[in-house]
Amino acid sequence: MATVIFDWDGTIAESGEGITRSVQYALDTVGIKVPDLSDLTHFIGPPLLESFQKYYHLDDEQGHMALKKYRE
């Protein structure tokens, strides 16, 4: 049996802009404006809820709201 592994994100597809724009939108819904997408690249990779809480100090309710909006 052969196994093929692809490094999708950043190798086959460049999803960084989509991720950072979605984070920007999600933060905007909880009243945080981040005009420069390059300020959000630390969201690429780690769990989103933890990142919202770590970098923008959102409580559980705000973090889950931002996560919901990100997934829209």
PDB file of N, CA and C in Angstrom:
ATOM      1  N   MET A   1       0.846  -1.173   0.000  1.00  0.00           N
ATOM      2  CA  MET A   1       0.000   0.000   0.000  1.00  0.00           C
ATOM      3  C   MET A   1       0.895   1.242   0.000  1.00  0.00           C
ATOM      4  N   ALA A   2       0.559   2.183  -0.829  1.00  0.00           N
ATOM      5  CA  ALA A   2       1.317   3.437  -0.913  1.00  0.00           C
ATOM      6  C   ALA A   2       0.538   4.556  -0.241  1.00  0.00           C
ATOM      7  N   THR A   3       1.249   5.454   0.363  1.00  0.00           N
ATOM      8  CA  THR A   3       0.642   6.610   1.005  1.00  0.00           C
ATOM      9  C   THR A   3       1.213   7.874   0.385  1.00  0.00           C
ATOM     10  N   VAL A   4       0.347   8.789   0.066  1.00  0.00           N
ATOM     11  CA  VAL A   4       0.769  10.070  -0.477  1.00  0.00           C
ATOM     12  C   VAL A   4       0.300  11.151   0.484  1.00  0.00           C
ATOM     13  N   ILE A   5       1.201  12.021   0.883  1.00  0.00           N
ATOM     14  CA  ILE A   5       0.875  13.105   1.803  1.00  0.00           C
ATOM     15  C   ILE A   5       1.132  14.422   1.080  1.00  0.00           C
ATOM     16  N   PHE A   6       0.152  15.308   1.151  1.00  0.00           N
ATOM     17  CA  PHE A   6       0.272  16.626   0.546  1.00  0.00           C
ATOM     18  C   PHE A   6       0.330  17.686   1.638  1.00  0.00           C
ATOM     19  N   ASP A   7       1.199  18.647   1.468  1.00  0.00           N
ATOM     20  CA  ASP A   7       1.215  19.831   2.324  1.00  0.00           C
ATOM     21  C   ASP A   7       0.359  20.864   1.603  1.00  0.00           C
ATOM     22  N   TRP A   8      -0.928  20.825   1.880  1.00  0.00           N
ATOM     23  CA  TRP A   8      -1.889  21.642   1.134  1.00  0.00           C
ATOM     24  C   TRP A   8      -1.667  23.135   1.333  1.00  0.00           C
ATOM     25  N   ASP A   9      -1.710  23.575   2.578  1.00  0.00           N
ATOM     26  CA  ASP A   9      -1.692  25.006   2.868  1.00  0.00           C
ATOM     27  C   ASP A   9      -0.294  25.589   2.674  1.00  0.00           C
ATOM     28  N   GLY A  10      -0.180  26.464   1.720  1.00  0.00           N
ATOM     29  CA  GLY A  10       1.074  27.135   1.449  1.00  0.00           C
ATOM     30  C   GLY A  10       1.910  26.459   0.377  1.00  0.00           C
ATOM     31  N   THR A  11       1.594  25.227   0.048  1.00  0.00           N
ATOM     32  CA  THR A  11       2.331  24.524  -0.990  1.00  0.00           C
ATOM     33  C   THR A  11       1.476  24.371  -2.232  1.00  0.00           C
ATOM     34  N   ILE A  12       0.315  23.765  -2.082  1.00  0.00           N
ATOM     35  CA  ILE A  12      -0.592  23.557  -3.211  1.00  0.00           C
ATOM     36  C   ILE A  12      -1.552  24.738  -3.356  1.00  0.00           C
ATOM     37  N   ALA A  13      -2.017  25.253  -2.248  1.00  0.00           N
ATOM     38  CA  ALA A  13      -2.959  26.381  -2.261  1.00  0.00           C
ATOM     39  C   ALA A  13      -2.459  27.450  -1.303  1.00  0.00           C
ATOM     40  N   GLU A  14      -2.656  28.678  -1.647  1.00  0.00           N
ATOM     41  CA  GLU A  14      -2.281  29.784  -0.777  1.00  0.00           C
ATOM     42  C   GLU A  14      -3.546  30.290  -0.091  1.00  0.00           C
ATOM     43  N   SER A  15      -3.789  29.820   1.108  1.00  0.00           N
ATOM     44  CA  SER A  15      -5.026  30.156   1.818  1.00  0.00           C
ATOM     45  C   SER A  15      -4.849  31.273   2.837  1.00  0.00           C
ATOM     46  N   GLY A  16      -3.656  31.806   2.957  1.00  0.00           N
ATOM     47  CA  GLY A  16      -3.387  32.835   3.958  1.00  0.00           C
ATOM     48  C   GLY A  16      -4.293  34.045   3.868  1.00  0.00           C
ATOM     49  N   GLU A  17      -4.521  34.528   2.662  1.00  0.00           N
ATOM     50  CA  GLU A  17      -5.373  35.714   2.516  1.00  0.00           C
ATOM     51  C   GLU A  17      -6.805  35.415   2.954  1.00  0.00           C
ATOM     52  N   GLY A  18      -7.315  34.253   2.602  1.00  0.00           N
ATOM     53  CA  GLY A  18      -8.665  33.884   3.017  1.00  0.00           C
ATOM     54  C   GLY A  18      -8.789  33.759   4.519  1.00  0.00           C
ATOM     55  N   ILE A  19      -7.778  33.189   5.145  1.00  0.00           N
ATOM     56  CA  ILE A  19      -7.789  33.043   6.601  1.00  0.00           C
ATOM     57  C   ILE A  19      -7.736  34.409   7.267  1.00  0.00           C
ATOM     58  N   THR A  20      -6.803  35.250   6.853  1.00  0.00           N
ATOM     59  CA  THR A  20      -6.665  36.550   7.511  1.00  0.00           C
ATOM     60  C   THR A  20      -7.865  37.458   7.254  1.00  0.00           C
ATOM     61  N   ARG A  21      -8.449  37.393   6.080  1.00  0.00           N
ATOM     62  CA  ARG A  21      -9.659  38.199   5.824  1.00  0.00           C
ATOM     63  C   ARG A  21     -10.831  37.715   6.688  1.00  0.00           C
ATOM     64  N   SER A  22     -10.932  36.419   6.859  1.00  0.00           N
ATOM     65  CA  SER A  22     -12.006  35.872   7.698  1.00  0.00           C
ATOM     66  C   SER A  22     -11.797  36.237   9.157  1.00  0.00           C
ATOM     67  N   VAL A  23     -10.556  36.223   9.621  1.00  0.00           N
ATOM     68  CA  VAL A  23     -10.244  36.645  10.996  1.00  0.00           C
ATOM     69  C   VAL A  23     -10.553  38.130  11.152  1.00  0.00           C
ATOM     70  N   GLN A  24     -10.179  38.924  10.156  1.00  0.00           N
ATOM     71  CA  GLN A  24     -10.455  40.366  10.189  1.00  0.00           C
ATOM     72  C   GLN A  24     -11.957  40.615  10.322  1.00  0.00           C
ATOM     73  N   TYR A  25     -12.749  39.913   9.537  1.00  0.00           N
ATOM     74  CA  TYR A  25     -14.212  40.033   9.599  1.00  0.00           C
ATOM     75  C   TYR A  25     -14.733  39.618  10.974  1.00  0.00           C
ATOM     76  N   ALA A  26     -14.241  38.507  11.485  1.00  0.00           N
ATOM     77  CA  ALA A  26     -14.690  38.008  12.781  1.00  0.00           C
ATOM     78  C   ALA A  26     -14.362  38.996  13.899  1.00  0.00           C
ATOM     79  N   LEU A  27     -13.165  39.544  13.883  1.00  0.00           N
ATOM     80  CA  LEU A  27     -12.785  40.519  14.901  1.00  0.00           C
ATOM     81  C   LEU A  27     -13.621  41.780  14.796  1.00  0.00           C
ATOM     82  N   ASP A  28     -13.918  42.194  13.582  1.00  0.00           N
ATOM     83  CA  ASP A  28     -14.749  43.379  13.370  1.00  0.00           C
ATOM     84  C   ASP A  28     -16.122  43.212  14.025  1.00  0.00           C
ATOM     85  N   THR A  29     -16.655  41.982  13.998  1.00  0.00           N
ATOM     86  CA  THR A  29     -17.987  41.753  14.571  1.00  0.00           C
ATOM     87  C   THR A  29     -17.997  41.874  16.098  1.00  0.00           C
ATOM     88  N   VAL A  30     -16.814  41.769  16.720  1.00  0.00           N
ATOM     89  CA  VAL A  30     -16.744  41.965  18.175  1.00  0.00           C
ATOM     90  C   VAL A  30     -16.107  43.313  18.519  1.00  0.00           C
ATOM     91  N   GLY A  31     -16.048  44.210  17.520  1.00  0.00           N
ATOM     92  CA  GLY A  31     -15.619  45.581  17.754  1.00  0.00           C
ATOM     93  C   GLY A  31     -14.122  45.833  17.677  1.00  0.00           C
ATOM     94  N   ILE A  32     -13.372  44.916  17.097  1.00  0.00           N
ATOM     95  CA  ILE A  32     -11.925  45.095  16.974  1.00  0.00           C
ATOM     96  C   ILE A  32     -11.575  45.308  15.504  1.00  0.00           C
ATOM     97  N   LYS A  33     -10.990  46.466  15.212  1.00  0.00           N
ATOM     98  CA  LYS A  33     -10.612  46.809  13.839  1.00  0.00           C
ATOM     99  C   LYS A  33      -9.130  46.501  13.630  1.00  0.00           C
ATOM    100  N   VAL A  34      -8.841  45.700  12.623  1.00  0.00           N
ATOM    101  CA  VAL A  34      -7.450  45.395  12.248  1.00  0.00           C
ATOM    102  C   VAL A  34      -7.345  45.632  10.741  1.00  0.00           C
ATOM    103  N   PRO A  35      -6.921  46.830  10.333  1.00  0.00           N
ATOM    104  CA  PRO A  35      -6.903  47.151   8.909  1.00  0.00           C
ATOM    105  C   PRO A  35      -5.824  46.427   8.095  1.00  0.00           C
ATOM    106  N   ASP A  36      -4.724  46.049   8.722  1.00  0.00           N
ATOM    107  CA  ASP A  36      -3.611  45.437   7.999  1.00  0.00           C
ATOM    108  C   ASP A  36      -3.633  43.919   8.179  1.00  0.00           C
ATOM    109  N   LEU A  37      -3.919  43.200   7.087  1.00  0.00           N
ATOM    110  CA  LEU A  37      -4.010  41.735   7.153  1.00  0.00           C
ATOM    111  C   LEU A  37      -2.717  41.081   7.624  1.00  0.00           C
ATOM    112  N   SER A  38      -1.584  41.718   7.395  1.00  0.00           N
ATOM    113  CA  SER A  38      -0.314  41.123   7.828  1.00  0.00           C
ATOM    114  C   SER A  38      -0.215  41.050   9.351  1.00  0.00           C
ATOM    115  N   ASP A  39      -1.034  41.823  10.047  1.00  0.00           N
ATOM    116  CA  ASP A  39      -1.073  41.752  11.512  1.00  0.00           C
ATOM    117  C   ASP A  39      -1.810  40.512  12.001  1.00  0.00           C
ATOM    118  N   LEU A  40      -2.406  39.751  11.092  1.00  0.00           N
ATOM    119  CA  LEU A  40      -3.213  38.592  11.475  1.00  0.00           C
ATOM    120  C   LEU A  40      -2.607  37.264  11.030  1.00  0.00           C
ATOM    121  N   THR A  41      -1.410  37.295  10.497  1.00  0.00           N
ATOM    122  CA  THR A  41      -0.819  36.054   9.991  1.00  0.00           C
ATOM    123  C   THR A  41      -0.542  35.036  11.094  1.00  0.00           C
ATOM    124  N   HIS A  42      -0.436  35.482  12.342  1.00  0.00           N
ATOM    125  CA  HIS A  42      -0.215  34.536  13.447  1.00  0.00           C
ATOM    126  C   HIS A  42      -1.436  33.647  13.687  1.00  0.00           C
ATOM    127  N   PHE A  43      -2.552  33.925  13.023  1.00  0.00           N
ATOM    128  CA  PHE A  43      -3.738  33.063  13.112  1.00  0.00           C
ATOM    129  C   PHE A  43      -3.622  31.849  12.190  1.00  0.00           C
ATOM    130  N   ILE A  44      -2.699  31.871  11.266  1.00  0.00           N
ATOM    131  CA  ILE A  44      -2.561  30.762  10.323  1.00  0.00           C
ATOM    132  C   ILE A  44      -1.850  29.610  11.026  1.00  0.00           C
ATOM    133  N   GLY A  45      -2.572  28.519  11.197  1.00  0.00           N
ATOM    134  CA  GLY A  45      -1.988  27.331  11.811  1.00  0.00           C
ATOM    135  C   GLY A  45      -2.595  26.939  13.142  1.00  0.00           C
ATOM    136  N   PRO A  46      -2.439  27.770  14.194  1.00  0.00           N
ATOM    137  CA  PRO A  46      -2.935  27.365  15.510  1.00  0.00           C
ATOM    138  C   PRO A  46      -4.463  27.358  15.584  1.00  0.00           C
ATOM    139  N   PRO A  47      -5.013  26.739  16.615  1.00  0.00           N
ATOM    140  CA  PRO A  47      -6.476  26.747  16.800  1.00  0.00           C
ATOM    141  C   PRO A  47      -7.014  28.179  16.901  1.00  0.00           C
ATOM    142  N   LEU A  48      -8.078  28.440  16.170  1.00  0.00           N
ATOM    143  CA  LEU A  48      -8.602  29.809  16.085  1.00  0.00           C
ATOM    144  C   LEU A  48      -9.120  30.347  17.413  1.00  0.00           C
ATOM    145  N   LEU A  49      -9.919  29.561  18.121  1.00  0.00           N
ATOM    146  CA  LEU A  49     -10.489  30.048  19.380  1.00  0.00           C
ATOM    147  C   LEU A  49      -9.377  30.458  20.337  1.00  0.00           C
ATOM    148  N   GLU A  50      -8.365  29.623  20.454  1.00  0.00           N
ATOM    149  CA  GLU A  50      -7.232  29.941  21.335  1.00  0.00           C
ATOM    150  C   GLU A  50      -6.524  31.212  20.875  1.00  0.00           C
ATOM    151  N   SER A  51      -6.401  31.385  19.572  1.00  0.00           N
ATOM    152  CA  SER A  51      -5.736  32.582  19.050  1.00  0.00           C
ATOM    153  C   SER A  51      -6.558  33.836  19.319  1.00  0.00           C
ATOM    154  N   PHE A  52      -7.870  33.772  19.140  1.00  0.00           N
ATOM    155  CA  PHE A  52      -8.717  34.930  19.458  1.00  0.00           C
ATOM    156  C   PHE A  52      -8.550  35.319  20.921  1.00  0.00           C
ATOM    157  N   GLN A  53      -8.504  34.336  21.788  1.00  0.00           N
ATOM    158  CA  GLN A  53      -8.384  34.608  23.222  1.00  0.00           C
ATOM    159  C   GLN A  53      -6.987  35.086  23.592  1.00  0.00           C
ATOM    160  N   LYS A  54      -5.969  34.486  22.995  1.00  0.00           N
ATOM    161  CA  LYS A  54      -4.585  34.837  23.320  1.00  0.00           C
ATOM    162  C   LYS A  54      -4.199  36.218  22.810  1.00  0.00           C
ATOM    163  N   TYR A  55      -4.473  36.488  21.538  1.00  0.00           N
ATOM    164  CA  TYR A  55      -3.992  37.719  20.928  1.00  0.00           C
ATOM    165  C   TYR A  55      -4.912  38.924  21.124  1.00  0.00           C
ATOM    166  N   TYR A  56      -6.203  38.664  21.324  1.00  0.00           N
ATOM    167  CA  TYR A  56      -7.145  39.779  21.462  1.00  0.00           C
ATOM    168  C   TYR A  56      -7.938  39.710  22.758  1.00  0.00           C
ATOM    169  N   HIS A  57      -7.546  38.814  23.644  1.00  0.00           N
ATOM    170  CA  HIS A  57      -8.096  38.724  24.998  1.00  0.00           C
ATOM    171  C   HIS A  57      -9.621  38.634  25.024  1.00  0.00           C
ATOM    172  N   LEU A  58     -10.172  37.878  24.079  1.00  0.00           N
ATOM    173  CA  LEU A  58     -11.619  37.683  24.055  1.00  0.00           C
ATOM    174  C   LEU A  58     -12.001  36.660  25.121  1.00  0.00           C
ATOM    175  N   ASP A  59     -13.133  36.917  25.784  1.00  0.00           N
ATOM    176  CA  ASP A  59     -13.622  35.923  26.745  1.00  0.00           C
ATOM    177  C   ASP A  59     -14.272  34.781  25.964  1.00  0.00           C
ATOM    178  N   ASP A  60     -14.786  33.776  26.668  1.00  0.00           N
ATOM    179  CA  ASP A  60     -15.362  32.608  26.007  1.00  0.00           C
ATOM    180  C   ASP A  60     -16.490  32.983  25.045  1.00  0.00           C
ATOM    181  N   GLU A  61     -17.395  33.831  25.510  1.00  0.00           N
ATOM    182  CA  GLU A  61     -18.543  34.215  24.675  1.00  0.00           C
ATOM    183  C   GLU A  61     -18.084  34.959  23.420  1.00  0.00           C
ATOM    184  N   GLN A  62     -17.213  35.937  23.591  1.00  0.00           N
ATOM    185  CA  GLN A  62     -16.709  36.693  22.446  1.00  0.00           C
ATOM    186  C   GLN A  62     -15.902  35.792  21.505  1.00  0.00           C
ATOM    187  N   GLY A  63     -15.091  34.906  22.081  1.00  0.00           N
ATOM    188  CA  GLY A  63     -14.275  33.999  21.279  1.00  0.00           C
ATOM    189  C   GLY A  63     -15.123  33.084  20.420  1.00  0.00           C
ATOM    190  N   HIS A  64     -16.195  32.546  21.009  1.00  0.00           N
ATOM    191  CA  HIS A  64     -17.086  31.668  20.242  1.00  0.00           C
ATOM    192  C   HIS A  64     -17.866  32.448  19.185  1.00  0.00           C
ATOM    193  N   MET A  65     -18.232  33.690  19.504  1.00  0.00           N
ATOM    194  CA  MET A  65     -18.913  34.536  18.520  1.00  0.00           C
ATOM    195  C   MET A  65     -17.975  34.821  17.347  1.00  0.00           C
ATOM    196  N   ALA A  66     -16.733  35.161  17.646  1.00  0.00           N
ATOM    197  CA  ALA A  66     -15.753  35.429  16.579  1.00  0.00           C
ATOM    198  C   ALA A  66     -15.527  34.163  15.744  1.00  0.00           C
ATOM    199  N   LEU A  67     -15.442  33.012  16.389  1.00  0.00           N
ATOM    200  CA  LEU A  67     -15.251  31.759  15.669  1.00  0.00           C
ATOM    201  C   LEU A  67     -16.432  31.476  14.740  1.00  0.00           C
ATOM    202  N   LYS A  68     -17.633  31.736  15.229  1.00  0.00           N
ATOM    203  CA  LYS A  68     -18.843  31.546  14.413  1.00  0.00           C
ATOM    204  C   LYS A  68     -18.809  32.460  13.188  1.00  0.00           C
ATOM    205  N   LYS A  69     -18.436  33.726  13.413  1.00  0.00           N
ATOM    206  CA  LYS A  69     -18.372  34.681  12.307  1.00  0.00           C
ATOM    207  C   LYS A  69     -17.249  34.317  11.331  1.00  0.00           C
ATOM    208  N   TYR A  70     -16.133  33.843  11.837  1.00  0.00           N
ATOM    209  CA  TYR A  70     -15.030  33.388  10.973  1.00  0.00           C
ATOM    210  C   TYR A  70     -15.541  32.299  10.019  1.00  0.00           C
ATOM    211  N   ARG A  71     -16.331  31.390  10.546  1.00  0.00           N
ATOM    212  CA  ARG A  71     -16.810  30.249   9.754  1.00  0.00           C
ATOM    213  C   ARG A  71     -17.927  30.602   8.784  1.00  0.00           C
ATOM    214  N   GLU A  72     -18.496  31.788   8.917  1.00  0.00           N
ATOM    215  CA  GLU A  72     -19.508  32.215   7.935  1.00  0.00           C
ATOM    216  C   GLU A  72     -18.895  32.215   6.564  1.00  0.00           C
TER     217      GLU A  72
END
